[in-house]
Structures are given as C-alpha cells and as structure tokens.
Amino acid sequence: MNPKHHLKPIPNKRVQFEVTPASVGWRYLHFQVLTLRAGDTFAHETNGNEVALTTLKGRARVNAAGQNFDLARRDVFQEMAHVLYVPPHQTLTLYAESDFECALGGAPAEGKYPTRLFLPNEMRRELRGGGAATRQVNHLLAYPLPAERLILYDAYVPGGMWAGYPPHCHDGYAGSPYLEETYYYRITPENGFAIHRNYCCDSDFDELFTVRDGELVLVTQGFHPVATAPGSNVYFLNYLAGELYDDARATPPYDDPAYAWLKTNWQGNALALPMFKETQEI
C-alpha cells in the first residue's frame, strides 16, 4: 500500500492538495483543492494545460481570458457544481466573496476550445447500477461536453452502497484506455467514512484506504471500487486525463470480468435472510 496515493488536506493552507505528474509519476493530470477566506485573491496560470474549476462551496468572482464569471454553491450535498473551463496560456484569477472552496485540475492541451462556464442544466445526470450498487453520477465535463483531455464526474453514494461497481479500470490493461484519475471525497456526517480499493487482477498490486471527509485518493492503476459505510453519505469528485482526446473521451473503461455479470443481476445472488428456520421440537 502506497501512502502517497491517499492524501490528507493540509490544515490552514489555501492549497489543500498539489498533485502534478512529477509528484505522482504519471504523465497528464494536475489537481488542486483550494480553500480561500472571504476577501482572498488567488491567481493560477494555465500554462500549457486546459484547466477546469469545479465549485465546492461559497461564492467567488473569477476572471479568465478577459471574462468575468460569478460562481456560487451552497454545498456539494445541496447543489450541483458549476464547471469553468479555461484553455491553455491564460491567467485565472479568483476573488473570494465569501469563504470559498473549489477544485482545479488540468491536462496538456493545444487550445482547441474557448473559455466556457458549464451549468448544471447542460450536464447529464444518471442513476447508475442497482441493488447495493445504486448511486447517482453527474457528467460534469464528459463527452459530448467539449474538452481536449479532461473528463470530470461527480457521484453521490448513500450509506451502505457501493460505487465503481462492477470494478473497472482504465490503465491500459486488457486494451482499456490509459487515464489518470483523482477521487476527492466529501462525507457527511464528518465522522463518516468510505473504503476505497485500488487493485490489479494479475499482479500483487492491492491498496485499501479508509477515507474521511476532505481526503484525496489517486488512481494510478487497476480497478477501483468504493464502499460507503452505513450511516455515511459520500460525495466524490473525479478528474481524469490521459491518452483519450476530444470525442474519444467517450470510450468506456474495462470491467473486471470476475464481477461484470452484476450488470445483468444487480441483486448479486444475495442470500435471503433468515437463512435457517427456528429449530422445532421433534
């Protein structure tokens, strides 16, 4: 298990996480979580990356590519996100009008698409899975919404449910596309938790993390299911980037064949309880 793949926020720091290809050993994806106080200003240079800003909580005015945008969200459990897309070689400046939290992620790009604010009514929403694997997935910046390499989702997983099921991978295994991915977690109540596993079918790579509110998990390889503890409700935000470009971002991942059959039987052949009748006298 690699502790560098399970990150905890830095207390009292504006940049809670600073994930770069150099820090992880991958090729494409950058990721940050920012926590600004009311009145704070924060500037970010996109350099050679396209960048997506996802609101988490609070209000801010953002200037990007000479345009101003007003962003607001009460909380991840109360409202859907707004996503601000900014192309390479721009300066993105945030002015926090209240305490403000957001995610910033980027990937190498050529500058094919302009600055654009994606609103909730443009984002596909779906209830995915079934049985104990029922969850809601929102396509924040996924095909057909345009970007070069970035793909963004978020998900809501009720207590006792699983997400990422059947487990899937996108690391080149079995012909799957190569994509790097971050899982940023918010959990209510704050003492709740989830279990995140990264594993491979044909190697000894196997990571298992107990994840708390505000923590981050990196998916560097393998399949990656998530289990939510009963009494805990989980939100996670995914940023992905890799070899898929433009419309090819619609390419699906590869399901673990040991569990892929669940898509035809979401009850999973579950035992019916009680298992045994009460003992009767003879």
Protein backbone atom coordinates (compact mmCIF):
# COMPACT_ATOMS: atom_id res chain seq x y z
CA MET A 1 0.00 0.00 0.00
CA ASN A 2 1.38 3.37 -1.02
CA PRO A 3 0.51 6.18 1.44
CA LYS A 4 1.36 8.69 -1.29
CA HIS A 5 -1.81 7.57 -3.06
CA HIS A 6 -4.01 8.55 -0.08
CA LEU A 7 -3.61 12.24 0.73
CA LYS A 8 -5.00 14.24 3.64
CA PRO A 9 -5.65 18.00 3.47
CA ILE A 10 -3.07 20.37 4.90
CA PRO A 11 -4.69 22.34 7.77
CA ASN A 12 -4.93 26.12 7.35
CA LYS A 13 -3.43 26.09 3.84
CA ARG A 14 -5.07 27.67 0.82
CA VAL A 15 -3.81 24.85 -1.43
CA GLN A 16 -5.02 21.66 0.25
CA PHE A 17 -3.51 19.33 -2.37
CA GLU A 18 -0.96 19.88 -5.13
CA VAL A 19 -0.94 16.87 -7.46
CA THR A 20 1.27 17.06 -10.55
CA PRO A 21 2.62 14.47 -12.99
CA ALA A 22 6.04 14.91 -11.36
CA SER A 23 4.71 14.37 -7.82
CA VAL A 24 2.85 11.18 -8.74
CA GLY A 25 4.94 9.75 -11.56
CA TRP A 26 2.26 9.93 -14.23
CA ARG A 27 2.04 11.94 -17.46
CA TYR A 28 -1.05 14.09 -17.75
CA LEU A 29 -3.15 15.09 -14.77
CA HIS A 30 -2.76 18.08 -12.42
CA PHE A 31 -5.12 18.58 -9.47
CA GLN A 32 -5.59 21.05 -6.60
CA VAL A 33 -8.20 21.84 -3.98
CA LEU A 34 -8.33 25.49 -2.85
CA THR A 35 -9.84 26.87 0.35
CA LEU A 36 -9.98 30.66 0.31
CA ARG A 37 -11.15 33.07 3.00
CA ALA A 38 -13.55 35.89 2.18
CA GLY A 39 -11.50 38.65 0.55
CA ASP A 40 -8.68 36.36 -0.61
CA THR A 41 -7.33 36.53 -4.16
CA PHE A 42 -5.71 33.59 -5.93
CA ALA A 43 -4.11 33.56 -9.39
CA HIS A 44 -3.43 30.44 -11.45
CA GLU A 45 -1.52 30.26 -14.73
CA THR A 46 -2.85 27.57 -17.03
CA ASN A 47 0.45 27.43 -18.97
CA GLY A 48 0.21 24.54 -21.47
CA ASN A 49 -2.84 22.98 -19.83
CA GLU A 50 -6.56 23.22 -20.26
CA VAL A 51 -7.99 23.77 -16.76
CA ALA A 52 -11.39 23.06 -15.21
CA LEU A 53 -12.51 24.76 -12.00
CA THR A 54 -15.28 22.97 -10.08
CA THR A 55 -17.13 24.86 -7.36
CA LEU A 56 -17.44 23.11 -3.99
CA LYS A 57 -18.74 25.73 -1.57
CA GLY A 58 -19.11 29.50 -1.25
CA ARG A 59 -19.05 32.44 -3.67
CA ALA A 60 -16.30 33.86 -5.85
CA ARG A 61 -15.81 36.08 -8.84
CA VAL A 62 -13.42 34.63 -11.39
CA ASN A 63 -11.64 36.43 -14.21
CA ALA A 64 -10.37 34.21 -17.02
CA ALA A 65 -9.36 35.10 -20.57
CA GLY A 66 -10.70 38.62 -20.10
CA GLN A 67 -14.14 37.45 -18.96
CA ASN A 68 -15.76 37.63 -15.51
CA PHE A 69 -17.79 34.80 -14.00
CA ASP A 70 -19.78 34.69 -10.76
CA LEU A 71 -19.61 31.25 -9.15
CA ALA A 72 -21.59 30.06 -6.15
CA ARG A 73 -22.59 26.80 -4.48
CA ARG A 74 -24.11 26.25 -1.06
CA ASP A 75 -22.53 22.83 -0.53
CA VAL A 76 -21.82 19.66 -2.53
CA PHE A 77 -24.81 17.95 -0.86
CA GLN A 78 -27.21 20.84 -1.61
CA GLU A 79 -26.47 21.95 -5.17
CA MET A 80 -24.82 20.69 -8.33
CA ALA A 81 -21.46 22.05 -9.42
CA HIS A 82 -20.63 24.73 -11.95
CA VAL A 83 -17.52 23.99 -14.01
CA LEU A 84 -15.44 26.77 -15.55
CA TYR A 85 -13.29 25.58 -18.47
CA VAL A 86 -10.21 27.66 -19.36
CA PRO A 87 -7.83 26.90 -22.27
CA PRO A 88 -4.02 26.95 -22.16
CA HIS A 89 -1.90 30.11 -21.77
CA GLN A 90 -4.42 32.10 -19.73
CA THR A 91 -4.44 33.61 -16.25
CA LEU A 92 -7.30 32.57 -13.99
CA THR A 93 -7.85 34.91 -11.03
CA LEU A 94 -10.25 34.16 -8.16
CA TYR A 95 -11.71 36.81 -5.82
CA ALA A 96 -13.42 35.10 -2.88
CA GLU A 97 -16.61 36.95 -1.92
CA SER A 98 -17.19 34.51 0.96
CA ASP A 99 -15.23 31.57 2.25
CA PHE A 100 -14.79 29.62 -0.98
CA GLU A 101 -13.74 26.08 -1.85
CA CYS A 102 -13.06 24.75 -5.33
CA ALA A 103 -11.13 22.11 -7.25
CA LEU A 104 -8.74 22.98 -10.07
CA GLY A 105 -7.43 20.37 -12.46
CA GLY A 106 -5.64 20.44 -15.76
CA ALA A 107 -4.08 18.43 -18.57
CA PRO A 108 -1.92 19.22 -21.61
CA ALA A 109 -3.91 20.77 -24.44
CA GLU A 110 -3.50 22.67 -27.68
CA GLY A 111 -6.14 25.35 -27.08
CA LYS A 112 -8.88 23.94 -29.30
CA TYR A 113 -11.78 25.11 -27.11
CA PRO A 114 -12.61 28.56 -25.67
CA THR A 115 -13.28 29.60 -22.09
CA ARG A 116 -16.75 28.42 -21.10
CA LEU A 117 -18.89 28.06 -17.99
CA PHE A 118 -20.76 24.75 -17.88
CA LEU A 119 -24.04 24.90 -15.94
CA PRO A 120 -25.94 22.04 -14.26
CA ASN A 121 -28.66 22.01 -16.92
CA GLU A 122 -26.01 21.06 -19.51
CA MET A 123 -24.73 18.08 -17.50
CA ARG A 124 -26.12 14.59 -17.91
CA ARG A 125 -27.35 13.06 -14.65
CA GLU A 126 -27.99 9.35 -14.19
CA LEU A 127 -28.86 6.80 -11.56
CA ARG A 128 -26.33 4.06 -12.12
CA GLY A 129 -26.20 0.43 -11.03
CA GLY A 130 -28.81 -1.21 -8.83
CA GLY A 131 -29.28 -3.09 -5.58
CA ALA A 132 -26.41 -2.39 -3.20
CA ALA A 133 -24.54 -0.61 -6.02
CA THR A 134 -27.08 2.18 -6.59
CA ARG A 135 -25.63 5.69 -6.89
CA GLN A 136 -26.05 8.95 -8.82
CA VAL A 137 -23.40 10.02 -11.32
CA ASN A 138 -23.24 13.52 -12.85
CA HIS A 139 -21.30 14.07 -16.08
CA LEU A 140 -19.73 17.43 -15.24
CA LEU A 141 -17.35 17.62 -18.21
CA ALA A 142 -17.66 14.39 -20.16
CA TYR A 143 -18.49 13.69 -23.80
CA PRO A 144 -20.37 15.29 -25.52
CA LEU A 145 -19.38 18.36 -23.48
CA PRO A 146 -16.20 19.58 -25.18
CA ALA A 147 -12.66 19.38 -23.83
CA GLU A 148 -9.39 18.05 -25.17
CA ARG A 149 -8.27 15.58 -22.48
CA LEU A 150 -10.11 16.44 -19.28
CA ILE A 151 -13.04 14.30 -18.11
CA LEU A 152 -14.97 15.21 -14.93
CA TYR A 153 -17.65 13.34 -12.99
CA ASP A 154 -19.05 13.52 -9.51
CA ALA A 155 -21.09 10.91 -7.66
CA TYR A 156 -23.42 10.59 -4.69
CA VAL A 157 -23.34 7.29 -2.80
CA PRO A 158 -25.83 6.64 0.03
CA GLY A 159 -24.75 4.86 3.19
CA GLY A 160 -24.26 1.12 2.73
CA MET A 161 -23.94 1.40 -1.07
CA TRP A 162 -21.06 0.76 -3.46
CA ALA A 163 -19.76 2.84 -6.38
CA GLY A 164 -17.46 1.96 -9.23
CA TYR A 165 -19.21 -1.40 -9.40
CA PRO A 166 -18.61 -3.66 -11.14
CA PRO A 167 -14.98 -2.60 -10.66
CA HIS A 168 -13.46 -1.08 -13.79
CA CYS A 169 -10.01 0.01 -14.91
CA HIS A 170 -8.54 2.41 -17.46
CA ASP A 171 -4.80 1.82 -17.18
CA GLY A 172 -4.14 0.02 -20.48
CA TYR A 173 -4.98 -3.41 -19.04
CA ALA A 174 -6.92 -5.66 -21.45
CA GLY A 175 -6.89 -2.89 -24.06
CA SER A 176 -8.52 -0.32 -21.78
CA PRO A 177 -7.72 3.36 -22.43
CA TYR A 178 -4.98 4.92 -20.31
CA LEU A 179 -6.42 7.54 -17.95
CA GLU A 180 -5.09 9.01 -14.69
CA GLU A 181 -7.70 9.82 -12.03
CA THR A 182 -8.24 11.56 -8.71
CA TYR A 183 -11.02 10.88 -6.19
CA TYR A 184 -11.76 13.85 -3.93
CA TYR A 185 -14.13 12.90 -1.09
CA ARG A 186 -16.70 14.82 0.95
CA ILE A 187 -18.55 12.78 3.54
CA THR A 188 -21.45 13.51 5.84
CA PRO A 189 -21.54 13.32 8.79
CA GLU A 190 -17.94 14.48 9.13
CA ASN A 191 -17.02 11.41 11.19
CA GLY A 192 -18.29 9.12 8.43
CA PHE A 193 -16.01 7.13 6.16
CA ALA A 194 -15.69 5.15 2.94
CA ILE A 195 -13.45 2.30 1.84
CA HIS A 196 -11.52 2.80 -1.42
CA ARG A 197 -9.66 -0.06 -3.08
CA ASN A 198 -7.19 0.01 -6.00
CA TYR A 199 -6.19 -3.46 -7.24
CA CYS A 200 -4.95 -5.39 -10.27
CA CYS A 201 -6.16 -8.80 -11.46
CA ASP A 202 -2.84 -10.36 -12.36
CA SER A 203 -0.31 -8.72 -10.02
CA ASP A 204 0.10 -8.20 -6.29
CA PHE A 205 -0.84 -4.50 -6.54
CA ASP A 206 -3.60 -4.00 -3.96
CA GLU A 207 -4.30 -0.79 -2.00
CA LEU A 208 -7.07 -0.40 0.58
CA PHE A 209 -7.78 3.00 2.14
CA THR A 210 -10.18 4.18 4.85
CA VAL A 211 -11.18 7.60 3.54
CA ARG A 212 -12.52 10.51 5.60
CA ASP A 213 -14.14 13.82 4.70
CA GLY A 214 -11.90 16.09 2.61
CA GLU A 215 -9.35 13.43 1.65
CA LEU A 216 -7.98 12.52 -1.76
CA VAL A 217 -7.14 9.17 -3.37
CA LEU A 218 -5.06 8.78 -6.54
CA VAL A 219 -5.88 6.01 -9.00
CA THR A 220 -2.54 5.25 -10.63
CA GLN A 221 -3.52 1.79 -11.90
CA GLY A 222 -6.00 -1.02 -11.51
CA PHE A 223 -9.67 -1.43 -10.69
CA HIS A 224 -11.09 0.95 -8.07
CA PRO A 225 -14.41 0.28 -6.29
CA VAL A 226 -15.70 2.35 -3.36
CA ALA A 227 -17.82 1.17 -0.42
CA THR A 228 -19.76 3.59 1.78
CA ALA A 229 -20.22 2.79 5.47
CA PRO A 230 -23.81 2.57 6.70
CA GLY A 231 -24.75 5.92 8.22
CA SER A 232 -22.25 7.75 5.98
CA ASN A 233 -23.23 9.54 2.78
CA VAL A 234 -20.43 10.07 0.29
CA TYR A 235 -19.76 12.57 -2.47
CA PHE A 236 -16.70 12.17 -4.65
CA LEU A 237 -15.35 14.29 -7.48
CA ASN A 238 -13.34 12.64 -10.26
CA TYR A 239 -10.85 14.36 -12.55
CA LEU A 240 -9.44 12.17 -15.33
CA ALA A 241 -6.98 12.78 -18.16
CA GLY A 242 -4.88 10.60 -20.38
CA GLU A 243 -4.49 9.34 -23.91
CA LEU A 244 -8.14 9.82 -24.91
CA TYR A 245 -8.55 13.01 -26.93
CA ASP A 246 -11.65 15.04 -27.77
CA ASP A 247 -14.60 12.79 -28.80
CA ALA A 248 -12.62 9.65 -27.90
CA ARG A 249 -13.21 10.68 -24.27
CA ALA A 250 -16.46 8.70 -24.62
CA THR A 251 -14.51 5.40 -24.69
CA PRO A 252 -15.69 3.22 -21.78
CA PRO A 253 -13.37 1.59 -19.23
CA TYR A 254 -12.86 -2.17 -18.84
CA ASP A 255 -14.89 -4.09 -16.26
CA ASP A 256 -13.29 -6.75 -14.08
CA PRO A 257 -14.61 -9.95 -15.69
CA ALA A 258 -14.97 -11.57 -12.26
CA TYR A 259 -17.79 -9.10 -11.46
CA ALA A 260 -19.02 -7.81 -14.83
CA TRP A 261 -22.02 -10.18 -14.67
CA LEU A 262 -23.52 -7.95 -11.96
CA LYS A 263 -24.78 -5.61 -14.69
CA THR A 264 -27.35 -8.30 -15.54
CA ASN A 265 -28.20 -9.12 -11.92
CA TRP A 266 -27.79 -6.17 -9.54
CA GLN A 267 -29.11 -8.22 -6.64
CA GLY A 268 -25.88 -10.19 -6.91
CA ASN A 269 -27.38 -13.54 -5.91
CA ALA A 270 -27.71 -12.17 -2.38
CA LEU A 271 -28.62 -14.56 0.41
CA ALA A 272 -32.22 -14.37 1.59
CA LEU A 273 -32.47 -13.91 5.35
CA PRO A 274 -33.22 -15.51 7.70
CA MET A 275 -31.09 -18.38 6.43
CA PHE A 276 -32.48 -21.07 8.72
CA LYS A 277 -35.87 -21.58 10.32
CA GLU A 278 -36.15 -21.81 14.04
CA THR A 279 -35.41 -25.27 15.43
CA GLN A 280 -38.56 -27.20 16.10
CA GLU A 281 -39.03 -29.96 18.61
CA ILE A 282 -39.35 -33.45 17.24
